[in-house]
Amino acid sequence: MSVMPGISRQVAAVQSVLFKAACPDCRARFELAAGALRLAIGASRRTTFYSFTCPECGSAVRKPAGERIVELLTGGGVRTLRLHSSV
């Protein structure tokens, strides 16, 4: 099996992306790697959000994600879950 030239550099670039975040509970500001974030994409703005655990106080944080945030997080390698409506 062969690996295409440049693939390993692209993977390394995605893995090194850091996102600035803040905790609404303890007000700490920090940077998180893509692996520390989760993105859920729902059918509306109300059901599209990202989440993480605050490294300072341990609180579970959930924040709304608009189009630009979704674009940045997916481009940075954040794992994404697509939510389906049960209509």
N, C-alpha and C. Protein backbone atom coordinates (compact mmCIF):
# COMPACT_ATOMS: atom_id res chain seq x y z
N MET A 1 0.85 -1.17 0.00
CA MET A 1 0.00 0.00 0.00
C MET A 1 0.89 1.23 0.00
N SER A 2 0.58 2.18 -0.86
CA SER A 2 1.39 3.39 -0.92
C SER A 2 0.63 4.58 -0.34
N VAL A 3 1.38 5.56 0.10
CA VAL A 3 0.80 6.79 0.66
C VAL A 3 1.09 7.92 -0.30
N MET A 4 0.09 8.70 -0.59
CA MET A 4 0.27 9.81 -1.52
C MET A 4 1.15 10.88 -0.87
N PRO A 5 2.08 11.47 -1.64
CA PRO A 5 2.92 12.53 -1.10
C PRO A 5 2.06 13.68 -0.57
N GLY A 6 2.44 14.20 0.58
CA GLY A 6 1.74 15.35 1.14
C GLY A 6 0.62 14.99 2.10
N ILE A 7 0.16 13.75 2.08
CA ILE A 7 -0.94 13.36 2.96
C ILE A 7 -0.53 13.48 4.42
N SER A 8 0.64 12.98 4.77
CA SER A 8 1.05 13.02 6.17
C SER A 8 1.19 14.46 6.67
N ARG A 9 1.62 15.37 5.82
CA ARG A 9 1.72 16.78 6.22
C ARG A 9 0.34 17.36 6.47
N GLN A 10 -0.64 17.00 5.65
CA GLN A 10 -2.00 17.50 5.84
C GLN A 10 -2.59 16.99 7.15
N VAL A 11 -2.39 15.73 7.44
CA VAL A 11 -2.90 15.15 8.69
C VAL A 11 -2.24 15.83 9.87
N ALA A 12 -0.94 16.06 9.81
CA ALA A 12 -0.23 16.71 10.92
C ALA A 12 -0.75 18.13 11.12
N ALA A 13 -1.07 18.83 10.03
CA ALA A 13 -1.58 20.20 10.15
C ALA A 13 -2.94 20.20 10.84
N VAL A 14 -3.81 19.24 10.51
CA VAL A 14 -5.13 19.17 11.15
C VAL A 14 -4.98 18.85 12.62
N GLN A 15 -4.07 17.94 12.98
CA GLN A 15 -3.89 17.54 14.36
C GLN A 15 -3.34 18.66 15.23
N SER A 16 -2.65 19.62 14.64
CA SER A 16 -2.03 20.68 15.43
C SER A 16 -2.92 21.92 15.58
N VAL A 17 -4.14 21.88 15.07
CA VAL A 17 -5.05 23.02 15.18
C VAL A 17 -5.51 23.16 16.62
N LEU A 18 -5.46 24.39 17.14
CA LEU A 18 -5.97 24.68 18.47
C LEU A 18 -7.09 25.70 18.34
N PHE A 19 -8.11 25.53 19.15
CA PHE A 19 -9.26 26.43 19.14
C PHE A 19 -9.32 27.16 20.48
N LYS A 20 -9.53 28.47 20.43
CA LYS A 20 -9.70 29.26 21.65
C LYS A 20 -11.11 29.06 22.16
N ALA A 21 -11.24 28.88 23.46
CA ALA A 21 -12.55 28.66 24.07
C ALA A 21 -12.57 29.28 25.46
N ALA A 22 -13.76 29.39 26.00
CA ALA A 22 -13.93 29.92 27.35
C ALA A 22 -15.06 29.17 28.04
N CYS A 23 -14.94 29.06 29.36
CA CYS A 23 -15.95 28.38 30.16
C CYS A 23 -16.90 29.42 30.76
N PRO A 24 -18.20 29.27 30.54
CA PRO A 24 -19.15 30.22 31.12
C PRO A 24 -19.30 30.07 32.64
N ASP A 25 -18.89 28.93 33.19
CA ASP A 25 -19.02 28.71 34.63
C ASP A 25 -17.87 29.33 35.42
N CYS A 26 -16.64 28.96 35.09
CA CYS A 26 -15.49 29.47 35.84
C CYS A 26 -14.80 30.65 35.16
N ARG A 27 -15.23 30.98 33.95
CA ARG A 27 -14.70 32.09 33.16
C ARG A 27 -13.24 31.91 32.70
N ALA A 28 -12.73 30.70 32.79
CA ALA A 28 -11.38 30.42 32.32
C ALA A 28 -11.33 30.51 30.81
N ARG A 29 -10.20 30.92 30.28
CA ARG A 29 -9.95 30.98 28.83
C ARG A 29 -8.78 30.04 28.55
N PHE A 30 -8.89 29.28 27.46
CA PHE A 30 -7.89 28.27 27.16
C PHE A 30 -7.95 27.91 25.69
N GLU A 31 -7.03 27.05 25.27
CA GLU A 31 -7.01 26.51 23.91
C GLU A 31 -7.25 25.02 23.99
N LEU A 32 -8.04 24.51 23.03
CA LEU A 32 -8.37 23.09 22.98
C LEU A 32 -7.98 22.51 21.63
N ALA A 33 -7.47 21.30 21.65
CA ALA A 33 -7.19 20.58 20.41
C ALA A 33 -8.51 20.09 19.82
N ALA A 34 -8.50 19.78 18.54
CA ALA A 34 -9.71 19.32 17.85
C ALA A 34 -10.32 18.10 18.54
N GLY A 35 -9.51 17.23 19.09
CA GLY A 35 -10.00 16.03 19.74
C GLY A 35 -10.78 16.29 21.03
N ALA A 36 -10.65 17.47 21.59
CA ALA A 36 -11.35 17.82 22.83
C ALA A 36 -12.73 18.41 22.58
N LEU A 37 -13.06 18.64 21.32
CA LEU A 37 -14.34 19.24 20.96
C LEU A 37 -15.22 18.25 20.20
N ARG A 38 -16.52 18.44 20.30
CA ARG A 38 -17.49 17.67 19.52
C ARG A 38 -18.46 18.66 18.89
N LEU A 39 -18.86 18.39 17.67
CA LEU A 39 -19.79 19.24 16.94
C LEU A 39 -21.02 18.43 16.58
N ALA A 40 -22.19 18.95 16.90
CA ALA A 40 -23.45 18.30 16.53
C ALA A 40 -24.18 19.22 15.57
N ILE A 41 -24.53 18.70 14.40
CA ILE A 41 -25.23 19.50 13.39
C ILE A 41 -26.65 19.00 13.28
N GLY A 42 -27.58 19.86 13.66
CA GLY A 42 -29.00 19.52 13.61
C GLY A 42 -29.69 20.18 12.43
N ALA A 43 -31.00 20.10 12.44
CA ALA A 43 -31.80 20.64 11.34
C ALA A 43 -31.98 22.15 11.43
N SER A 44 -31.65 22.74 12.58
CA SER A 44 -31.83 24.19 12.74
C SER A 44 -30.68 24.77 13.54
N ARG A 45 -30.69 26.08 13.67
CA ARG A 45 -29.67 26.75 14.48
C ARG A 45 -29.75 26.33 15.94
N ARG A 46 -30.96 26.07 16.41
CA ARG A 46 -31.13 25.67 17.81
C ARG A 46 -30.54 24.30 18.12
N THR A 47 -30.45 23.46 17.11
CA THR A 47 -29.96 22.10 17.33
C THR A 47 -28.56 21.88 16.78
N THR A 48 -27.86 22.95 16.44
CA THR A 48 -26.48 22.86 15.98
C THR A 48 -25.59 23.51 17.04
N PHE A 49 -24.68 22.72 17.59
CA PHE A 49 -23.87 23.21 18.70
C PHE A 49 -22.55 22.46 18.77
N TYR A 50 -21.62 23.02 19.54
CA TYR A 50 -20.38 22.31 19.83
C TYR A 50 -20.27 22.17 21.34
N SER A 51 -19.51 21.18 21.77
CA SER A 51 -19.39 20.95 23.21
C SER A 51 -17.97 20.52 23.55
N PHE A 52 -17.64 20.73 24.83
CA PHE A 52 -16.34 20.33 25.36
C PHE A 52 -16.43 20.31 26.88
N THR A 53 -15.43 19.75 27.51
CA THR A 53 -15.33 19.76 28.96
C THR A 53 -14.27 20.78 29.34
N CYS A 54 -14.61 21.68 30.26
CA CYS A 54 -13.67 22.71 30.69
C CYS A 54 -12.48 22.05 31.38
N PRO A 55 -11.26 22.33 30.91
CA PRO A 55 -10.09 21.72 31.54
C PRO A 55 -9.79 22.30 32.93
N GLU A 56 -10.37 23.44 33.25
CA GLU A 56 -10.12 24.07 34.54
C GLU A 56 -11.05 23.56 35.64
N CYS A 57 -12.37 23.56 35.36
CA CYS A 57 -13.34 23.20 36.40
C CYS A 57 -14.09 21.90 36.12
N GLY A 58 -13.93 21.34 34.93
CA GLY A 58 -14.57 20.07 34.61
C GLY A 58 -16.02 20.16 34.16
N SER A 59 -16.55 21.37 34.01
CA SER A 59 -17.93 21.55 33.57
C SER A 59 -18.12 21.11 32.12
N ALA A 60 -19.27 20.52 31.84
CA ALA A 60 -19.64 20.21 30.47
C ALA A 60 -20.19 21.50 29.86
N VAL A 61 -19.60 21.93 28.74
CA VAL A 61 -19.98 23.19 28.11
C VAL A 61 -20.59 22.89 26.75
N ARG A 62 -21.70 23.55 26.46
CA ARG A 62 -22.38 23.41 25.18
C ARG A 62 -22.69 24.81 24.67
N LYS A 63 -22.25 25.11 23.44
CA LYS A 63 -22.44 26.44 22.86
C LYS A 63 -23.01 26.32 21.46
N PRO A 64 -23.85 27.29 21.06
CA PRO A 64 -24.41 27.26 19.71
C PRO A 64 -23.31 27.43 18.66
N ALA A 65 -23.54 26.83 17.49
CA ALA A 65 -22.56 26.93 16.40
C ALA A 65 -23.26 27.40 15.13
N GLY A 66 -22.94 28.61 14.72
CA GLY A 66 -23.44 29.13 13.46
C GLY A 66 -22.63 28.57 12.30
N GLU A 67 -22.97 29.02 11.11
CA GLU A 67 -22.31 28.50 9.90
C GLU A 67 -20.80 28.65 9.93
N ARG A 68 -20.32 29.81 10.36
CA ARG A 68 -18.87 30.06 10.38
C ARG A 68 -18.16 29.14 11.37
N ILE A 69 -18.75 28.96 12.56
CA ILE A 69 -18.16 28.08 13.56
C ILE A 69 -18.13 26.64 13.04
N VAL A 70 -19.22 26.20 12.42
CA VAL A 70 -19.28 24.85 11.84
C VAL A 70 -18.16 24.68 10.82
N GLU A 71 -17.98 25.67 9.97
CA GLU A 71 -16.93 25.62 8.95
C GLU A 71 -15.54 25.52 9.58
N LEU A 72 -15.28 26.33 10.59
CA LEU A 72 -13.97 26.32 11.24
C LEU A 72 -13.71 25.00 11.96
N LEU A 73 -14.70 24.51 12.68
CA LEU A 73 -14.52 23.28 13.44
C LEU A 73 -14.34 22.06 12.53
N THR A 74 -15.17 21.95 11.49
CA THR A 74 -15.02 20.81 10.58
C THR A 74 -13.70 20.88 9.83
N GLY A 75 -13.31 22.08 9.42
CA GLY A 75 -12.04 22.26 8.73
C GLY A 75 -10.84 21.96 9.62
N GLY A 76 -11.03 22.11 10.93
CA GLY A 76 -9.96 21.85 11.88
C GLY A 76 -9.92 20.43 12.40
N GLY A 77 -10.80 19.57 11.88
CA GLY A 77 -10.75 18.17 12.25
C GLY A 77 -11.59 17.76 13.45
N VAL A 78 -12.52 18.61 13.88
CA VAL A 78 -13.38 18.27 15.02
C VAL A 78 -14.37 17.20 14.58
N ARG A 79 -14.54 16.17 15.42
CA ARG A 79 -15.50 15.12 15.12
C ARG A 79 -16.91 15.68 15.08
N THR A 80 -17.68 15.26 14.07
CA THR A 80 -19.00 15.79 13.83
C THR A 80 -20.06 14.71 13.88
N LEU A 81 -21.17 15.04 14.52
CA LEU A 81 -22.31 14.15 14.59
C LEU A 81 -23.48 14.86 13.91
N ARG A 82 -24.08 14.22 12.94
CA ARG A 82 -25.25 14.80 12.26
C ARG A 82 -26.51 14.27 12.93
N LEU A 83 -27.30 15.18 13.45
CA LEU A 83 -28.54 14.81 14.13
C LEU A 83 -29.67 14.74 13.11
N HIS A 84 -30.47 13.71 13.21
CA HIS A 84 -31.61 13.54 12.29
C HIS A 84 -32.90 13.79 13.06
N SER A 85 -33.85 14.44 12.40
CA SER A 85 -35.13 14.67 13.06
C SER A 85 -35.99 13.41 12.91
N SER A 86 -36.82 13.16 13.90
CA SER A 86 -37.71 12.00 13.85
C SER A 86 -39.13 12.47 13.66
N VAL A 87 -39.41 12.95 12.45
CA VAL A 87 -40.73 13.49 12.13
C VAL A 87 -41.62 12.42 11.56
